Amino acid sequence: MSEPTTAREHIELVERYSAHNYHPLPVVISSGEGVWVTDVEGRRYLDMLAAYSALNFGHQHPDLVKAARDQLERLTLTSRAFHNDQIGPFLRDLCELAGKDRALPMNTGAEAVETAIKAARKWGYRVKGVPDGRAKIVVASGNFHGRTTTIISFSDDPISRADFGPYTPGFVTMPYGDADALAEALADPEVVAYLVEPIQGEAGVVVPPEGYLRRVRELCTEHQVLFIADEIQSGLGRAGATFACDLEGVVPDVYVLGKALGGGIVPISAVVADDEVLGLFRPGEHGSTFGGNPLACAIGRKVIELLRTGEYQRRSAELGAWLIEQLRAADVPTVEQVRGRGLWVGIVLRPEAGAARAACERLLEVGILAKDTHETTIRLAPPLVITREELEWALERIVPVLRSAAA
């Protein structure tokens, strides 16, 4: 059987054998370095998506590749049936980064969210004293926390939700950014947690009103409710700080982390919280064969080491502010809004501009990889290693594509 060589052949093979649960742009990437990738036919592109923030440190970051290679030659997996020599240092470093007592490692972001839900319910019964089986978790409208059965049960996205019921009970949805509505919801004594993205990514890089997260912190403390921050996309430098919550000077009770924690090499996620929450788990109540594997932990330790320098957070804050300013100053008639924090930008198109998917296809033609969401918004999230010159190169192509959108 011959192997595929052209982009068309590769795409046809995927279409033939894969479930059609994705609709990727028609490009087949074969290699990458820094912020650049090359397809199977030799064309080069600037990656302005960074695998939804999983590649915060770029493709093939030498320090991360070395950490992975060194660990690959020693040990990759033990399961949690035994200890390994990487998980302890990784957990220590992660807890120090987040200022918390304990961490529970998993693999994917959705697994970490599920872990946080279990932890919150257990805390509600054991600490807050909610009657068994009555715990409620408040979530935000427009949320995206993954696509497991429980998570889609509190999603308001019909695409990920339709035809997958019956749905898991125990969730209450409040408007994102509405502190008054949240105050009313948290007053219910059966509420154990508020699960929220400090900045909503899949919704189109939606930034809440100034002061909202501070009010969330106050309300959660007042009503003895856990503040769970899903920082899977927004955290680890993406929004211009180690955590997006840092932008308002607030500390949640629980961090949910993933994506960039694996350096764009392996999946690793984690829930990070204090003893009062994660200290409640007992052997057998939760786990994962691959969760905390030594390969992922070795890479995660190097990611944390890179973040400790503060370089990537500063780059994101400074270059991101400049990028947003330039996009707004371009004053493109077909653009309704440019929003974001750090190197994380949502370009919202007016109806007359057509679908954001079509705009992303035109960006592909001029060497820019970006992705649409909810038909109206183009997301930009380049690796944090990007330079000002590379962003200028990107803008020279992005702005003309936006101006030509109506045509």
Protein backbone atom coordinates (compact mmCIF):
# COMPACT_ATOMS: atom_id res chain seq x y z
CA MET A 1 0.00 0.00 0.00
CA SER A 2 1.49 3.35 -1.06
CA GLU A 3 1.95 6.11 1.48
CA PRO A 4 0.32 9.53 0.90
CA THR A 5 2.63 12.29 -0.34
CA THR A 6 0.45 15.25 -1.36
CA ALA A 7 -1.84 17.28 0.86
CA ARG A 8 -4.85 16.03 -1.06
CA GLU A 9 -3.88 12.39 -0.49
CA HIS A 10 -3.35 12.94 3.23
CA ILE A 11 -6.70 14.72 3.63
CA GLU A 12 -8.54 12.05 1.64
CA LEU A 13 -7.06 9.38 3.92
CA VAL A 14 -8.28 11.18 7.04
CA GLU A 15 -11.71 11.73 5.52
CA ARG A 16 -11.93 8.04 4.69
CA TYR A 17 -10.87 6.61 8.05
CA SER A 18 -11.59 9.24 10.69
CA ALA A 19 -14.86 10.02 12.40
CA HIS A 20 -15.88 13.43 11.07
CA ASN A 21 -15.76 15.21 14.42
CA TYR A 22 -13.40 17.93 13.13
CA HIS A 23 -13.45 20.26 10.16
CA PRO A 24 -9.79 21.33 9.85
CA LEU A 25 -8.46 23.85 7.40
CA PRO A 26 -7.04 22.18 4.25
CA VAL A 27 -3.37 22.16 5.23
CA VAL A 28 -1.21 19.15 6.16
CA ILE A 29 1.63 20.18 8.45
CA SER A 30 4.76 18.04 8.54
CA SER A 31 7.29 20.05 10.57
CA GLY A 32 7.59 23.10 12.79
CA GLU A 33 10.12 25.29 14.53
CA GLY A 34 9.36 28.26 16.76
CA VAL A 35 6.34 30.03 15.31
CA TRP A 36 6.72 28.58 11.80
CA VAL A 37 5.41 25.33 10.30
CA THR A 38 5.91 23.68 6.91
CA ASP A 39 3.38 21.54 5.08
CA VAL A 40 3.97 18.29 3.19
CA GLU A 41 4.41 20.20 -0.05
CA GLY A 42 7.03 22.62 1.31
CA ARG A 43 4.85 25.68 1.94
CA ARG A 44 5.65 27.68 5.07
CA TYR A 45 3.11 29.25 7.45
CA LEU A 46 3.15 31.44 10.55
CA ASP A 47 1.27 29.61 13.29
CA MET A 48 -1.15 32.10 14.86
CA LEU A 49 -3.15 29.46 16.77
CA ALA A 50 -0.48 27.55 18.74
CA ALA A 51 -2.76 24.51 19.09
CA TYR A 52 -5.26 26.51 21.15
CA SER A 53 -2.45 27.63 23.51
CA ALA A 54 -0.89 24.18 23.93
CA LEU A 55 2.16 25.49 22.05
CA ASN A 56 2.75 28.61 24.15
CA PHE A 57 6.50 28.00 23.87
CA GLY A 58 6.44 27.29 20.16
CA HIS A 59 7.25 24.25 18.08
CA GLN A 60 10.34 22.26 19.06
CA HIS A 61 11.43 24.53 21.91
CA PRO A 62 14.98 23.25 22.52
CA ASP A 63 14.71 23.12 26.32
CA LEU A 64 11.44 21.20 26.18
CA VAL A 65 12.65 18.82 23.47
CA LYS A 66 15.77 18.10 25.51
CA ALA A 67 13.72 17.41 28.64
CA ALA A 68 11.53 15.03 26.63
CA ARG A 69 14.45 13.30 24.94
CA ASP A 70 16.37 12.85 28.20
CA GLN A 71 13.34 11.34 29.89
CA LEU A 72 12.45 9.15 26.89
CA GLU A 73 15.81 7.45 27.25
CA ARG A 74 15.16 6.67 30.93
CA LEU A 75 11.50 5.97 31.74
CA THR A 76 8.14 6.90 30.23
CA LEU A 77 5.44 5.20 32.30
CA THR A 78 4.96 3.41 35.59
CA SER A 79 1.24 4.05 36.25
CA ARG A 80 0.37 5.33 39.71
CA ALA A 81 0.70 1.80 41.08
CA PHE A 82 4.32 2.79 41.74
CA HIS A 83 6.19 6.01 42.42
CA ASN A 84 8.49 7.55 39.82
CA ASP A 85 11.27 10.09 40.29
CA GLN A 86 9.60 12.90 38.29
CA ILE A 87 6.13 13.26 39.74
CA GLY A 88 7.15 14.52 43.19
CA PRO A 89 9.35 17.36 41.92
CA PHE A 90 6.73 18.24 39.29
CA LEU A 91 3.92 18.48 41.86
CA ARG A 92 6.12 20.53 44.19
CA ASP A 93 7.06 22.97 41.43
CA LEU A 94 3.48 23.29 40.21
CA CYS A 95 2.13 23.95 43.70
CA GLU A 96 4.80 26.60 44.25
CA LEU A 97 3.90 28.26 40.94
CA ALA A 98 0.21 28.38 41.88
CA GLY A 99 0.68 29.05 45.59
CA LYS A 100 -1.34 25.99 46.59
CA ASP A 101 -0.85 22.91 48.78
CA ARG A 102 -1.60 20.03 46.43
CA ALA A 103 -1.99 19.09 42.79
CA LEU A 104 -3.70 16.16 41.09
CA PRO A 105 -2.25 15.37 37.64
CA MET A 106 -4.34 14.03 34.77
CA ASN A 107 -3.91 14.07 30.98
CA THR A 108 -6.38 16.22 29.06
CA GLY A 109 -8.08 19.46 30.01
CA ALA A 110 -11.49 17.81 30.05
CA GLU A 111 -10.20 15.22 32.52
CA ALA A 112 -8.96 18.02 34.77
CA VAL A 113 -12.37 19.72 34.65
CA GLU A 114 -14.06 16.43 35.54
CA THR A 115 -11.58 16.08 38.42
CA ALA A 116 -12.44 19.58 39.66
CA ILE A 117 -16.16 18.77 39.53
CA LYS A 118 -15.63 15.63 41.64
CA ALA A 119 -13.42 17.54 44.08
CA ALA A 120 -15.98 20.33 44.45
CA ARG A 121 -18.83 17.92 45.11
CA LYS A 122 -16.82 16.00 47.67
CA TRP A 123 -15.82 19.25 49.39
CA GLY A 124 -19.47 20.32 49.39
CA TYR A 125 -20.54 17.17 51.21
CA ARG A 126 -17.58 16.78 53.55
CA VAL A 127 -16.81 20.42 54.37
CA LYS A 128 -19.78 22.66 53.56
CA GLY A 129 -22.33 20.10 54.72
CA VAL A 130 -24.57 19.98 51.64
CA PRO A 131 -27.00 17.01 51.81
CA ASP A 132 -25.77 14.01 49.83
CA GLY A 133 -26.67 14.13 46.15
CA ARG A 134 -27.79 17.77 46.26
CA ALA A 135 -24.61 19.64 45.34
CA LYS A 136 -24.93 22.27 42.61
CA ILE A 137 -22.18 23.88 40.56
CA VAL A 138 -22.79 27.25 38.94
CA VAL A 139 -21.33 27.76 35.45
CA ALA A 140 -21.25 30.64 32.97
CA SER A 141 -23.17 31.02 29.75
CA GLY A 142 -21.01 30.62 26.66
CA ASN A 143 -18.65 28.33 28.55
CA PHE A 144 -16.36 25.76 27.03
CA HIS A 145 -14.76 23.27 29.41
CA GLY A 146 -14.50 20.20 27.14
CA ARG A 147 -16.78 17.68 25.50
CA THR A 148 -17.24 14.80 27.94
CA THR A 149 -20.81 13.76 28.72
CA THR A 150 -20.93 15.62 32.02
CA ILE A 151 -19.32 18.77 30.64
CA ILE A 152 -21.65 19.07 27.64
CA SER A 153 -24.53 18.73 30.08
CA PHE A 154 -23.90 22.33 31.15
CA SER A 155 -22.84 23.65 27.75
CA ASP A 156 -25.14 25.95 25.78
CA ASP A 157 -23.41 25.09 22.50
CA PRO A 158 -25.93 23.06 20.48
CA ILE A 159 -23.22 21.52 18.30
CA SER A 160 -21.43 19.78 21.17
CA ARG A 161 -24.63 19.07 23.11
CA ALA A 162 -27.33 17.91 20.68
CA ASP A 163 -28.06 14.16 20.48
CA PHE A 164 -25.87 13.26 23.47
CA GLY A 165 -28.44 13.22 26.30
CA PRO A 166 -29.59 12.31 28.85
CA TYR A 167 -27.61 15.02 30.58
CA THR A 168 -25.94 15.10 33.96
CA PRO A 169 -27.87 17.16 36.54
CA GLY A 170 -26.43 19.45 39.20
CA PHE A 171 -25.45 22.53 37.18
CA VAL A 172 -26.90 26.05 37.08
CA THR A 173 -26.01 28.51 34.32
CA MET A 174 -25.63 32.26 34.92
CA PRO A 175 -24.77 35.00 32.38
CA TYR A 176 -21.00 35.44 32.00
CA GLY A 177 -19.78 38.70 33.50
CA ASP A 178 -23.03 39.45 35.42
CA ALA A 179 -22.01 39.74 39.07
CA ASP A 180 -25.53 40.51 40.29
CA ALA A 181 -26.94 37.33 38.74
CA LEU A 182 -24.05 35.37 40.19
CA ALA A 183 -24.69 36.77 43.67
CA GLU A 184 -28.27 35.52 43.51
CA ALA A 185 -27.20 32.06 42.34
CA LEU A 186 -24.49 31.62 44.98
CA ALA A 187 -26.92 32.44 47.77
CA ASP A 188 -28.39 28.94 47.32
CA PRO A 189 -26.91 26.91 50.22
CA GLU A 190 -26.63 23.84 47.99
CA VAL A 191 -24.16 25.55 45.62
CA VAL A 192 -20.64 24.22 46.16
CA ALA A 193 -18.66 25.91 43.37
CA TYR A 194 -18.54 28.45 40.57
CA LEU A 195 -16.67 27.03 37.57
CA VAL A 196 -15.59 29.78 35.18
CA GLU A 197 -13.03 30.71 32.54
CA PRO A 198 -11.36 33.99 33.56
CA ILE A 199 -11.37 34.75 29.83
CA GLN A 200 -13.63 32.68 27.61
CA GLY A 201 -11.57 31.16 24.81
CA GLU A 202 -13.85 29.08 22.61
CA ALA A 203 -16.54 31.76 22.91
CA GLY A 204 -14.21 34.07 20.99
CA VAL A 205 -11.70 35.43 23.53
CA VAL A 206 -14.40 37.13 25.61
CA VAL A 207 -12.98 39.30 28.41
CA PRO A 208 -15.32 39.92 31.37
CA PRO A 209 -16.00 43.45 32.66
CA GLU A 210 -13.26 45.06 34.76
CA GLY A 211 -13.63 43.99 38.38
CA TYR A 212 -15.75 40.94 37.64
CA LEU A 213 -13.20 38.40 38.86
CA ARG A 214 -12.64 40.41 42.04
CA ARG A 215 -16.37 40.34 42.67
CA VAL A 216 -16.43 36.59 41.97
CA ARG A 217 -13.77 36.13 44.63
CA GLU A 218 -15.74 38.20 47.14
CA LEU A 219 -19.02 36.39 46.45
CA CYS A 220 -17.48 32.93 46.64
CA THR A 221 -15.88 33.76 49.99
CA GLU A 222 -19.10 35.30 51.30
CA HIS A 223 -21.24 32.27 50.42
CA GLN A 224 -18.65 29.55 51.18
CA VAL A 225 -18.44 28.48 47.55
CA LEU A 226 -15.32 27.27 45.74
CA PHE A 227 -14.04 29.59 43.02
CA ILE A 228 -12.78 27.21 40.30
CA ALA A 229 -10.80 28.96 37.56
CA ASP A 230 -10.51 27.02 34.32
CA GLU A 231 -7.14 28.36 33.14
CA ILE A 232 -6.55 25.58 30.61
CA GLN A 233 -6.30 28.10 27.75
CA SER A 234 -5.88 31.40 29.60
CA GLY A 235 -3.15 30.29 31.99
CA LEU A 236 0.61 29.74 31.83
CA GLY A 237 1.43 33.04 30.17
CA ARG A 238 -1.18 33.27 27.44
CA ALA A 239 -3.06 36.30 28.77
CA GLY A 240 0.03 38.26 29.77
CA ALA A 241 0.39 36.86 33.29
CA THR A 242 1.10 33.44 34.76
CA PHE A 243 -2.64 33.06 35.31
CA ALA A 244 -5.40 35.25 33.87
CA CYS A 245 -6.74 35.65 37.41
CA ASP A 246 -3.50 37.52 38.19
CA LEU A 247 -4.68 40.33 35.93
CA GLU A 248 -7.22 41.28 38.61
CA GLY A 249 -5.08 40.23 41.55
CA VAL A 250 -7.36 37.39 42.62
CA VAL A 251 -6.56 33.85 43.70
CA PRO A 252 -9.18 31.17 43.07
CA ASP A 253 -9.65 28.20 45.36
CA VAL A 254 -8.95 25.80 42.51
CA TYR A 255 -6.90 26.15 39.32
CA VAL A 256 -7.64 23.86 36.39
CA LEU A 257 -4.61 23.67 34.09
CA GLY A 258 -3.66 21.87 30.89
CA LYS A 259 -2.59 22.51 27.29
CA ALA A 260 0.68 24.51 27.62
CA LEU A 261 1.63 22.48 30.70
CA GLY A 262 2.73 19.71 28.33
CA GLY A 263 4.91 22.02 26.26
CA GLY A 264 3.12 21.05 23.06
CA ILE A 265 4.75 17.61 23.30
CA VAL A 266 2.54 15.44 25.50
CA PRO A 267 -0.84 15.94 27.16
CA ILE A 268 -0.75 16.72 30.86
CA SER A 269 -3.31 18.54 32.96
CA ALA A 270 -3.75 19.20 36.65
CA VAL A 271 -6.08 20.46 39.33
CA VAL A 272 -4.24 22.60 41.89
CA ALA A 273 -5.82 23.55 45.22
CA ASP A 274 -5.28 23.56 48.97
CA ASP A 275 -5.52 20.69 51.46
CA GLU A 276 -9.12 21.53 52.29
CA VAL A 277 -10.14 20.49 48.76
CA LEU A 278 -7.65 17.99 47.35
CA GLY A 279 -6.80 16.52 50.73
CA LEU A 280 -10.24 14.90 50.75
CA PHE A 281 -9.44 12.32 48.05
CA ARG A 282 -8.71 8.80 49.23
CA PRO A 283 -7.03 5.90 47.35
CA GLY A 284 -9.25 4.50 44.61
CA GLU A 285 -11.60 7.49 44.39
CA HIS A 286 -9.95 9.00 41.32
CA GLY A 287 -7.04 8.31 39.00
CA SER A 288 -5.58 7.68 35.58
CA THR A 289 -3.04 5.18 34.27
CA PHE A 290 -1.14 7.88 32.39
CA GLY A 291 -1.83 10.71 34.82
CA GLY A 292 1.47 11.87 36.34
CA ASN A 293 3.60 9.75 34.02
CA PRO A 294 7.31 10.57 34.24
CA LEU A 295 7.63 11.76 30.64
CA ALA A 296 4.86 14.33 31.02
CA CYS A 297 6.11 15.39 34.45
CA ALA A 298 9.65 15.95 33.19
CA ILE A 299 8.34 18.20 30.43
CA GLY A 300 5.95 19.93 32.84
CA ARG A 301 8.84 20.71 35.18
CA LYS A 302 10.70 22.41 32.35
CA VAL A 303 7.57 24.39 31.40
CA ILE A 304 7.34 25.67 34.98
CA GLU A 305 11.04 26.54 34.91
CA LEU A 306 10.49 28.63 31.77
CA LEU A 307 7.55 30.41 33.37
CA ARG A 308 9.54 31.23 36.50
CA THR A 309 11.70 33.60 34.45
CA GLY A 310 8.66 35.80 33.73
CA GLU A 311 9.93 36.32 30.19
CA TYR A 312 6.99 34.72 28.44
CA GLN A 313 4.41 36.54 30.55
CA ARG A 314 6.10 39.88 29.77
CA ARG A 315 6.35 39.10 26.07
CA SER A 316 2.68 38.18 25.94
CA ALA A 317 1.60 41.32 27.79
CA GLU A 318 3.74 43.74 25.78
CA LEU A 319 3.41 42.23 22.30
CA GLY A 320 -0.25 41.44 22.86
CA ALA A 321 -1.07 45.03 23.79
CA TRP A 322 0.76 46.22 20.68
CA LEU A 323 -1.01 43.69 18.43
CA ILE A 324 -4.46 44.64 19.72
CA GLU A 325 -3.65 48.34 19.33
CA GLN A 326 -2.51 47.81 15.73
CA LEU A 327 -5.59 45.80 14.81
CA ARG A 328 -7.90 48.41 16.30
CA ALA A 329 -5.98 51.26 14.66
CA ALA A 330 -6.41 49.59 11.26
CA ASP A 331 -10.11 50.49 11.59
CA VAL A 332 -11.31 47.84 9.16
CA PRO A 333 -14.98 48.49 8.25
CA THR A 334 -15.85 44.79 8.27
CA VAL A 335 -14.50 44.30 11.83
CA GLU A 336 -17.00 44.87 14.61
CA GLN A 337 -14.64 44.42 17.56
CA VAL A 338 -11.08 43.47 18.48
CA ARG A 339 -10.81 42.08 22.00
CA GLY A 340 -8.34 40.12 24.05
CA ARG A 341 -5.60 40.06 26.66
CA GLY A 342 -1.95 39.33 26.01
CA LEU A 343 -1.22 37.39 22.84
CA TRP A 344 -4.81 36.16 22.73
CA VAL A 345 -7.08 38.07 20.39
CA GLY A 346 -10.58 37.69 19.02
CA ILE A 347 -11.44 39.56 15.82
CA VAL A 348 -15.23 39.76 15.57
CA LEU A 349 -16.49 40.22 12.02
CA ARG A 350 -19.61 42.12 11.01
CA PRO A 351 -22.34 40.10 9.22
CA GLU A 352 -21.49 41.66 5.85
CA ALA A 353 -17.94 40.28 6.15
CA GLY A 354 -19.18 36.73 5.73
CA ALA A 355 -18.16 33.71 7.75
CA ALA A 356 -14.97 33.74 9.80
CA ARG A 357 -14.13 30.32 8.34
CA ALA A 358 -13.84 31.87 4.88
CA ALA A 359 -11.55 34.57 6.24
CA CYS A 360 -9.33 31.91 7.85
CA GLU A 361 -9.14 30.10 4.52
CA ARG A 362 -7.94 33.33 2.88
CA LEU A 363 -5.39 33.77 5.67
CA LEU A 364 -4.16 30.28 4.93
CA GLU A 365 -3.55 31.28 1.32
CA VAL A 366 -1.24 34.11 2.45
CA GLY A 367 0.68 31.99 4.95
CA ILE A 368 -1.19 32.56 8.22
CA LEU A 369 -2.68 29.76 10.32
CA ALA A 370 -5.66 30.96 12.37
CA LYS A 371 -9.00 29.43 13.32
CA ASP A 372 -12.57 30.63 13.47
CA THR A 373 -15.07 30.12 16.25
CA HIS A 374 -18.85 30.55 16.33
CA GLU A 375 -18.86 31.61 12.66
CA THR A 376 -18.12 35.27 13.45
CA THR A 377 -14.77 35.39 15.23
CA ILE A 378 -11.17 34.82 14.15
CA ARG A 379 -8.90 33.75 17.00
CA LEU A 380 -5.24 34.72 17.10
CA ALA A 381 -2.99 33.03 19.68
CA PRO A 382 0.57 32.80 18.39
CA PRO A 383 3.31 31.08 20.40
CA LEU A 384 4.68 33.43 23.05
CA VAL A 385 8.14 33.17 21.46
CA ILE A 386 6.96 35.26 18.50
CA THR A 387 8.90 38.45 17.75
CA ARG A 388 7.65 41.96 16.96
CA GLU A 389 9.00 41.56 13.42
CA GLU A 390 7.04 38.33 12.93
CA LEU A 391 3.87 40.01 14.21
CA GLU A 392 4.45 42.86 11.74
CA TRP A 393 4.79 40.28 8.97
CA ALA A 394 1.50 38.76 10.08
CA LEU A 395 -0.31 42.10 10.24
CA GLU A 396 0.80 42.93 6.69
CA ARG A 397 -1.26 39.92 5.62
CA ILE A 398 -4.08 39.85 8.16
CA VAL A 399 -5.30 43.43 7.66
CA PRO A 400 -5.67 43.15 3.85
CA VAL A 401 -7.56 39.88 4.26
CA LEU A 402 -9.91 41.58 6.74
CA ARG A 403 -10.40 44.51 4.37
CA SER A 404 -11.29 42.14 1.54
CA ALA A 405 -13.74 40.16 3.65
CA ALA A 406 -16.90 41.68 2.18
CA ALA A 407 -15.69 41.01 -1.35
